[in-house]
């Protein structure tokens, strides 16, 4: 069970990093478009993409924390 949860944690950690990178890239694109063109329709679209990526990161982080708590409870009970 602990091996499964550890694997799940690793997958969630990778998803957190992926979402973070995706959000940062969207942020940089938004900043570049904003500096080049000013406010526009593309900026709003990129901001929405950035918000979605960051919200996904928060969800994956919460899931990863929950897995770590479960692993901790299992280890504390000596069932690992």
PDB file of N, CA and C in Angstrom:
ATOM      1  N   UNK A   1       0.812  -1.189   0.000  1.00  0.00           N
ATOM      2  CA  UNK A   1       0.000   0.000   0.000  1.00  0.00           C
ATOM      3  C   UNK A   1       0.860   1.259   0.000  1.00  0.00           C
ATOM      4  N   UNK A   2       1.928   1.230   0.792  1.00  0.00           N
ATOM      5  CA  UNK A   2       2.816   2.388   0.851  1.00  0.00           C
ATOM      6  C   UNK A   2       3.491   2.625  -0.485  1.00  0.00           C
ATOM      7  N   UNK A   3       3.840   1.553  -1.202  1.00  0.00           N
ATOM      8  CA  UNK A   3       4.467   1.708  -2.513  1.00  0.00           C
ATOM      9  C   UNK A   3       3.504   2.370  -3.495  1.00  0.00           C
ATOM     10  N   UNK A   4       2.250   1.980  -3.432  1.00  0.00           N
ATOM     11  CA  UNK A   4       1.235   2.584  -4.295  1.00  0.00           C
ATOM     12  C   UNK A   4       1.096   4.071  -3.987  1.00  0.00           C
ATOM     13  N   UNK A   5       1.016   4.407  -2.706  1.00  0.00           N
ATOM     14  CA  UNK A   5       0.862   5.809  -2.316  1.00  0.00           C
ATOM     15  C   UNK A   5       2.100   6.625  -2.664  1.00  0.00           C
ATOM     16  N   UNK A   6       3.268   6.026  -2.526  1.00  0.00           N
ATOM     17  CA  UNK A   6       4.501   6.723  -2.904  1.00  0.00           C
ATOM     18  C   UNK A   6       4.514   6.993  -4.399  1.00  0.00           C
ATOM     19  N   UNK A   7       4.124   6.013  -5.185  1.00  0.00           N
ATOM     20  CA  UNK A   7       4.032   6.211  -6.634  1.00  0.00           C
ATOM     21  C   UNK A   7       3.016   7.277  -6.987  1.00  0.00           C
ATOM     22  N   UNK A   8       1.884   7.262  -6.304  1.00  0.00           N
ATOM     23  CA  UNK A   8       0.851   8.269  -6.519  1.00  0.00           C
ATOM     24  C   UNK A   8       1.373   9.655  -6.165  1.00  0.00           C
ATOM     25  N   UNK A   9       2.123   9.739  -5.071  1.00  0.00           N
ATOM     26  CA  UNK A   9       2.711  11.013  -4.678  1.00  0.00           C
ATOM     27  C   UNK A   9       3.678  11.531  -5.733  1.00  0.00           C
ATOM     28  N   UNK A  10       4.506  10.660  -6.270  1.00  0.00           N
ATOM     29  CA  UNK A  10       5.472  11.065  -7.301  1.00  0.00           C
ATOM     30  C   UNK A  10       4.730  11.590  -8.535  1.00  0.00           C
ATOM     31  N   UNK A  11       3.683  10.888  -8.935  1.00  0.00           N
ATOM     32  CA  UNK A  11       2.895  11.327 -10.092  1.00  0.00           C
ATOM     33  C   UNK A  11       2.264  12.693  -9.822  1.00  0.00           C
ATOM     34  N   UNK A  12       1.713  12.870  -8.635  1.00  0.00           N
ATOM     35  CA  UNK A  12       1.115  14.155  -8.287  1.00  0.00           C
ATOM     36  C   UNK A  12       2.155  15.270  -8.242  1.00  0.00           C
ATOM     37  N   UNK A  13       3.342  14.964  -7.738  1.00  0.00           N
ATOM     38  CA  UNK A  13       4.413  15.964  -7.690  1.00  0.00           C
ATOM     39  C   UNK A  13       4.810  16.383  -9.103  1.00  0.00           C
ATOM     40  N   UNK A  14       4.873  15.428 -10.018  1.00  0.00           N
ATOM     41  CA  UNK A  14       5.191  15.744 -11.415  1.00  0.00           C
ATOM     42  C   UNK A  14       4.092  16.621 -12.019  1.00  0.00           C
ATOM     43  N   UNK A  15       2.841  16.317 -11.696  1.00  0.00           N
ATOM     44  CA  UNK A  15       1.726  17.116 -12.202  1.00  0.00           C
ATOM     45  C   UNK A  15       1.762  18.538 -11.631  1.00  0.00           C
ATOM     46  N   UNK A  16       2.179  18.671 -10.381  1.00  0.00           N
ATOM     47  CA  UNK A  16       2.319  20.001  -9.776  1.00  0.00           C
ATOM     48  C   UNK A  16       3.365  20.806 -10.540  1.00  0.00           C
ATOM     49  N   UNK A  17       4.510  20.212 -10.780  1.00  0.00           N
ATOM     50  CA  UNK A  17       5.580  20.912 -11.490  1.00  0.00           C
ATOM     51  C   UNK A  17       5.131  21.271 -12.908  1.00  0.00           C
ATOM     52  N   UNK A  18       4.465  20.336 -13.587  1.00  0.00           N
ATOM     53  CA  UNK A  18       3.981  20.597 -14.942  1.00  0.00           C
ATOM     54  C   UNK A  18       3.003  21.768 -14.949  1.00  0.00           C
ATOM     55  N   UNK A  19       2.060  21.778 -14.015  1.00  0.00           N
ATOM     56  CA  UNK A  19       1.083  22.867 -13.948  1.00  0.00           C
ATOM     57  C   UNK A  19       1.760  24.193 -13.630  1.00  0.00           C
ATOM     58  N   UNK A  20       2.752  24.150 -12.754  1.00  0.00           N
ATOM     59  CA  UNK A  20       3.479  25.360 -12.409  1.00  0.00           C
ATOM     60  C   UNK A  20       4.202  25.926 -13.625  1.00  0.00           C
ATOM     61  N   UNK A  21       4.894  25.076 -14.354  1.00  0.00           N
ATOM     62  CA  UNK A  21       5.623  25.520 -15.544  1.00  0.00           C
ATOM     63  C   UNK A  21       4.651  26.063 -16.591  1.00  0.00           C
ATOM     64  N   UNK A  22       3.539  25.364 -16.784  1.00  0.00           N
ATOM     65  CA  UNK A  22       2.534  25.801 -17.752  1.00  0.00           C
ATOM     66  C   UNK A  22       1.979  27.175 -17.362  1.00  0.00           C
ATOM     67  N   UNK A  23       1.725  27.394 -16.088  1.00  0.00           N
ATOM     68  CA  UNK A  23       1.227  28.684 -15.621  1.00  0.00           C
ATOM     69  C   UNK A  23       2.249  29.790 -15.767  1.00  0.00           C
ATOM     70  N   UNK A  24       3.505  29.490 -15.473  1.00  0.00           N
ATOM     71  CA  UNK A  24       4.559  30.497 -15.611  1.00  0.00           C
ATOM     72  C   UNK A  24       4.746  30.872 -17.084  1.00  0.00           C
ATOM     73  N   UNK A  25       4.692  29.890 -17.973  1.00  0.00           N
ATOM     74  CA  UNK A  25       4.814  30.172 -19.406  1.00  0.00           C
ATOM     75  C   UNK A  25       3.656  31.065 -19.864  1.00  0.00           C
ATOM     76  N   UNK A  26       2.447  30.756 -19.409  1.00  0.00           N
ATOM     77  CA  UNK A  26       1.295  31.595 -19.755  1.00  0.00           C
ATOM     78  C   UNK A  26       1.480  33.004 -19.209  1.00  0.00           C
ATOM     79  N   UNK A  27       2.017  33.123 -18.001  1.00  0.00           N
ATOM     80  CA  UNK A  27       2.276  34.432 -17.415  1.00  0.00           C
ATOM     81  C   UNK A  27       3.285  35.212 -18.248  1.00  0.00           C
ATOM     82  N   UNK A  28       4.351  34.552 -18.654  1.00  0.00           N
ATOM     83  CA  UNK A  28       5.370  35.234 -19.453  1.00  0.00           C
ATOM     84  C   UNK A  28       4.826  35.665 -20.808  1.00  0.00           C
ATOM     85  N   UNK A  29       4.005  34.821 -21.425  1.00  0.00           N
ATOM     86  CA  UNK A  29       3.392  35.189 -22.706  1.00  0.00           C
ATOM     87  C   UNK A  29       2.451  36.377 -22.533  1.00  0.00           C
ATOM     88  N   UNK A  30       1.692  36.367 -21.442  1.00  0.00           N
ATOM     89  CA  UNK A  30       0.776  37.474 -21.171  1.00  0.00           C
ATOM     90  C   UNK A  30       1.550  38.768 -21.004  1.00  0.00           C
ATOM     91  N   UNK A  31       2.645  38.701 -20.252  1.00  0.00           N
ATOM     92  CA  UNK A  31       3.468  39.889 -20.033  1.00  0.00           C
ATOM     93  C   UNK A  31       4.058  40.387 -21.349  1.00  0.00           C
ATOM     94  N   UNK A  32       4.538  39.473 -22.168  1.00  0.00           N
ATOM     95  CA  UNK A  32       5.129  39.855 -23.454  1.00  0.00           C
ATOM     96  C   UNK A  32       4.084  40.512 -24.356  1.00  0.00           C
ATOM     97  N   UNK A  33       2.905  39.905 -24.450  1.00  0.00           N
ATOM     98  CA  UNK A  33       1.841  40.471 -25.288  1.00  0.00           C
ATOM     99  C   UNK A  33       1.417  41.833 -24.748  1.00  0.00           C
ATOM    100  N   UNK A  34       1.315  41.928 -23.439  1.00  0.00           N
ATOM    101  CA  UNK A  34       0.915  43.183 -22.815  1.00  0.00           C
ATOM    102  C   UNK A  34       1.925  44.285 -23.098  1.00  0.00           C
ATOM    103  N   UNK A  35       3.201  43.953 -23.044  1.00  0.00           N
ATOM    104  CA  UNK A  35       4.238  44.947 -23.308  1.00  0.00           C
ATOM    105  C   UNK A  35       4.283  45.343 -24.779  1.00  0.00           C
ATOM    106  N   UNK A  36       4.048  44.404 -25.651  1.00  0.00           N
ATOM    107  CA  UNK A  36       4.132  44.691 -27.084  1.00  0.00           C
ATOM    108  C   UNK A  36       2.894  45.405 -27.619  1.00  0.00           C
ATOM    109  N   UNK A  37       1.714  44.940 -27.219  1.00  0.00           N
ATOM    110  CA  UNK A  37       0.479  45.410 -27.839  1.00  0.00           C
ATOM    111  C   UNK A  37      -0.433  46.194 -26.907  1.00  0.00           C
ATOM    112  N   UNK A  38      -0.213  46.142 -25.643  1.00  0.00           N
ATOM    113  CA  UNK A  38      -1.161  46.720 -24.704  1.00  0.00           C
ATOM    114  C   UNK A  38      -2.253  45.713 -24.404  1.00  0.00           C
ATOM    115  N   UNK A  39      -3.311  46.173 -23.791  1.00  0.00           N
ATOM    116  CA  UNK A  39      -4.425  45.282 -23.449  1.00  0.00           C
ATOM    117  C   UNK A  39      -5.122  44.823 -24.718  1.00  0.00           C
ATOM    118  N   UNK A  40      -5.567  43.603 -24.706  1.00  0.00           N
ATOM    119  CA  UNK A  40      -6.259  43.085 -25.874  1.00  0.00           C
ATOM    120  C   UNK A  40      -6.955  41.787 -25.567  1.00  0.00           C
ATOM    121  N   UNK A  41      -7.583  41.235 -26.570  1.00  0.00           N
ATOM    122  CA  UNK A  41      -8.334  39.993 -26.411  1.00  0.00           C
ATOM    123  C   UNK A  41      -7.402  38.825 -26.108  1.00  0.00           C
ATOM    124  N   UNK A  42      -6.228  38.825 -26.710  1.00  0.00           N
ATOM    125  CA  UNK A  42      -5.274  37.742 -26.500  1.00  0.00           C
ATOM    126  C   UNK A  42      -4.782  37.720 -25.057  1.00  0.00           C
ATOM    127  N   UNK A  43      -4.621  38.884 -24.464  1.00  0.00           N
ATOM    128  CA  UNK A  43      -4.149  38.971 -23.084  1.00  0.00           C
ATOM    129  C   UNK A  43      -5.151  38.296 -22.151  1.00  0.00           C
ATOM    130  N   UNK A  44      -6.427  38.576 -22.336  1.00  0.00           N
ATOM    131  CA  UNK A  44      -7.454  37.967 -21.499  1.00  0.00           C
ATOM    132  C   UNK A  44      -7.461  36.456 -21.660  1.00  0.00           C
ATOM    133  N   UNK A  45      -7.302  35.994 -22.884  1.00  0.00           N
ATOM    134  CA  UNK A  45      -7.251  34.554 -23.151  1.00  0.00           C
ATOM    135  C   UNK A  45      -6.066  33.913 -22.437  1.00  0.00           C
ATOM    136  N   UNK A  46      -4.911  34.562 -22.484  1.00  0.00           N
ATOM    137  CA  UNK A  46      -3.721  34.036 -21.831  1.00  0.00           C
ATOM    138  C   UNK A  46      -3.874  34.088 -20.307  1.00  0.00           C
ATOM    139  N   UNK A  47      -4.539  35.107 -19.800  1.00  0.00           N
ATOM    140  CA  UNK A  47      -4.760  35.189 -18.362  1.00  0.00           C
ATOM    141  C   UNK A  47      -5.677  34.063 -17.895  1.00  0.00           C
ATOM    142  N   UNK A  48      -6.675  33.738 -18.691  1.00  0.00           N
ATOM    143  CA  UNK A  48      -7.544  32.608 -18.363  1.00  0.00           C
ATOM    144  C   UNK A  48      -6.762  31.309 -18.350  1.00  0.00           C
ATOM    145  N   UNK A  49      -5.860  31.132 -19.313  1.00  0.00           N
ATOM    146  CA  UNK A  49      -5.028  29.933 -19.364  1.00  0.00           C
ATOM    147  C   UNK A  49      -4.127  29.859 -18.128  1.00  0.00           C
ATOM    148  N   UNK A  50      -3.575  30.996 -17.746  1.00  0.00           N
ATOM    149  CA  UNK A  50      -2.719  31.056 -16.563  1.00  0.00           C
ATOM    150  C   UNK A  50      -3.511  30.700 -15.309  1.00  0.00           C
ATOM    151  N   UNK A  51      -4.706  31.229 -15.181  1.00  0.00           N
ATOM    152  CA  UNK A  51      -5.537  30.936 -14.008  1.00  0.00           C
ATOM    153  C   UNK A  51      -5.898  29.454 -13.939  1.00  0.00           C
ATOM    154  N   UNK A  52      -6.213  28.847 -15.071  1.00  0.00           N
ATOM    155  CA  UNK A  52      -6.552  27.425 -15.096  1.00  0.00           C
ATOM    156  C   UNK A  52      -5.355  26.581 -14.679  1.00  0.00           C
ATOM    157  N   UNK A  53      -4.171  26.925 -15.174  1.00  0.00           N
ATOM    158  CA  UNK A  53      -2.969  26.169 -14.836  1.00  0.00           C
ATOM    159  C   UNK A  53      -2.646  26.291 -13.343  1.00  0.00           C
ATOM    160  N   UNK A  54      -2.781  27.472 -12.799  1.00  0.00           N
ATOM    161  CA  UNK A  54      -2.473  27.666 -11.387  1.00  0.00           C
ATOM    162  C   UNK A  54      -3.518  26.983 -10.497  1.00  0.00           C
ATOM    163  N   UNK A  55      -4.785  26.984 -10.918  1.00  0.00           N
ATOM    164  CA  UNK A  55      -5.804  26.280 -10.142  1.00  0.00           C
ATOM    165  C   UNK A  55      -5.538  24.771 -10.164  1.00  0.00           C
ATOM    166  N   UNK A  56      -5.117  24.261 -11.319  1.00  0.00           N
ATOM    167  CA  UNK A  56      -4.768  22.837 -11.415  1.00  0.00           C
ATOM    168  C   UNK A  56      -3.601  22.525 -10.476  1.00  0.00           C
ATOM    169  N   UNK A  57      -2.632  23.417 -10.406  1.00  0.00           N
ATOM    170  CA  UNK A  57      -1.480  23.210  -9.515  1.00  0.00           C
ATOM    171  C   UNK A  57      -1.936  23.114  -8.074  1.00  0.00           C
ATOM    172  N   UNK A  58      -2.848  23.973  -7.682  1.00  0.00           N
ATOM    173  CA  UNK A  58      -3.349  23.952  -6.314  1.00  0.00           C
ATOM    174  C   UNK A  58      -4.065  22.638  -6.019  1.00  0.00           C
ATOM    175  N   UNK A  59      -4.860  22.150  -6.970  1.00  0.00           N
ATOM    176  CA  UNK A  59      -5.562  20.873  -6.777  1.00  0.00           C
ATOM    177  C   UNK A  59      -4.566  19.732  -6.613  1.00  0.00           C
ATOM    178  N   UNK A  60      -3.543  19.693  -7.472  1.00  0.00           N
ATOM    179  CA  UNK A  60      -2.559  18.612  -7.398  1.00  0.00           C
ATOM    180  C   UNK A  60      -1.759  18.695  -6.105  1.00  0.00           C
ATOM    181  N   UNK A  61      -1.449  19.913  -5.650  1.00  0.00           N
ATOM    182  CA  UNK A  61      -0.727  20.057  -4.392  1.00  0.00           C
ATOM    183  C   UNK A  61      -1.568  19.552  -3.228  1.00  0.00           C
ATOM    184  N   UNK A  62      -2.841  19.877  -3.228  1.00  0.00           N
ATOM    185  CA  UNK A  62      -3.724  19.411  -2.156  1.00  0.00           C
ATOM    186  C   UNK A  62      -3.799  17.891  -2.146  1.00  0.00           C
ATOM    187  N   UNK A  63      -3.903  17.293  -3.324  1.00  0.00           N
ATOM    188  CA  UNK A  63      -3.949  15.832  -3.412  1.00  0.00           C
ATOM    189  C   UNK A  63      -2.632  15.224  -2.928  1.00  0.00           C
ATOM    190  N   UNK A  64      -1.516  15.840  -3.298  1.00  0.00           N
ATOM    191  CA  UNK A  64      -0.208  15.336  -2.867  1.00  0.00           C
ATOM    192  C   UNK A  64      -0.065  15.427  -1.351  1.00  0.00           C
ATOM    193  N   UNK A  65      -0.535  16.510  -0.765  1.00  0.00           N
ATOM    194  CA  UNK A  65      -0.479  16.657   0.690  1.00  0.00           C
ATOM    195  C   UNK A  65      -1.342  15.592   1.367  1.00  0.00           C
ATOM    196  N   UNK A  66      -2.510  15.331   0.798  1.00  0.00           N
ATOM    197  CA  UNK A  66      -3.383  14.293   1.354  1.00  0.00           C
ATOM    198  C   UNK A  66      -2.697  12.928   1.315  1.00  0.00           C
ATOM    199  N   UNK A  67      -1.997  12.629   0.227  1.00  0.00           N
ATOM    200  CA  UNK A  67      -1.282  11.354   0.114  1.00  0.00           C
ATOM    201  C   UNK A  67      -0.173  11.278   1.158  1.00  0.00           C
ATOM    202  N   UNK A  68       0.543  12.381   1.356  1.00  0.00           N
ATOM    203  CA  UNK A  68       1.606  12.392   2.365  1.00  0.00           C
ATOM    204  C   UNK A  68       1.024  12.160   3.758  1.00  0.00           C
ATOM    205  N   UNK A  69      -0.126  12.751   4.040  1.00  0.00           N
ATOM    206  CA  UNK A  69      -0.776  12.546   5.342  1.00  0.00           C
ATOM    207  C   UNK A  69      -1.154  11.076   5.513  1.00  0.00           C
ATOM    208  N   UNK A  70      -1.710  10.463   4.473  1.00  0.00           N
ATOM    209  CA  UNK A  70      -2.085   9.044   4.554  1.00  0.00           C
ATOM    210  C   UNK A  70      -0.844   8.178   4.767  1.00  0.00           C
ATOM    211  N   UNK A  71       0.227   8.479   4.052  1.00  0.00           N
ATOM    212  CA  UNK A  71       1.481   7.731   4.242  1.00  0.00           C
ATOM    213  C   UNK A  71       1.967   7.891   5.688  1.00  0.00           C
ATOM    214  N   UNK A  72       1.875   9.115   6.219  1.00  0.00           N
ATOM    215  CA  UNK A  72       2.280   9.362   7.598  1.00  0.00           C
ATOM    216  C   UNK A  72       1.445   8.589   8.599  1.00  0.00           C
ATOM    217  N   UNK A  73       0.145   8.521   8.374  1.00  0.00           N
ATOM    218  CA  UNK A  73      -0.738   7.776   9.271  1.00  0.00           C
ATOM    219  C   UNK A  73      -0.410   6.294   9.210  1.00  0.00           C
ATOM    220  N   UNK A  74      -0.185   5.774   8.020  1.00  0.00           N
ATOM    221  CA  UNK A  74       0.167   4.353   7.868  1.00  0.00           C
ATOM    222  C   UNK A  74       1.495   4.060   8.558  1.00  0.00           C
ATOM    223  N   UNK A  75       2.471   4.959   8.378  1.00  0.00           N
ATOM    224  CA  UNK A  75       3.779   4.744   9.004  1.00  0.00           C
ATOM    225  C   UNK A  75       3.690   4.839  10.524  1.00  0.00           C
ATOM    226  N   UNK A  76       2.859   5.739  11.018  1.00  0.00           N
ATOM    227  CA  UNK A  76       2.717   5.893  12.469  1.00  0.00           C
ATOM    228  C   UNK A  76       2.064   4.670  13.113  1.00  0.00           C
ATOM    229  N   UNK A  77       1.181   4.021  12.366  1.00  0.00           N
ATOM    230  CA  UNK A  77       0.509   2.827  12.873  1.00  0.00           C
ATOM    231  C   UNK A  77       1.355   1.578  12.698  1.00  0.00           C
ATOM    232  N   UNK A  78       2.463   1.702  11.979  1.00  0.00           N
ATOM    233  CA  UNK A  78       3.341   0.553  11.760  1.00  0.00           C
ATOM    234  C   UNK A  78       2.822  -0.446  10.757  1.00  0.00           C
ATOM    235  N   UNK A  79       1.926  -0.013   9.903  1.00  0.00           N
ATOM    236  CA  UNK A  79       1.363  -0.925   8.876  1.00  0.00           C
ATOM    237  C   UNK A  79       2.064  -0.779   7.536  1.00  0.00           C
ATOM    238  N   UNK A  80       3.145   0.008   7.473  1.00  0.00           N
ATOM    239  CA  UNK A  80       3.812   0.275   6.202  1.00  0.00           C
ATOM    240  C   UNK A  80       4.674  -0.848   5.802  1.00  0.00           C
TER     241      UNK A  80
END
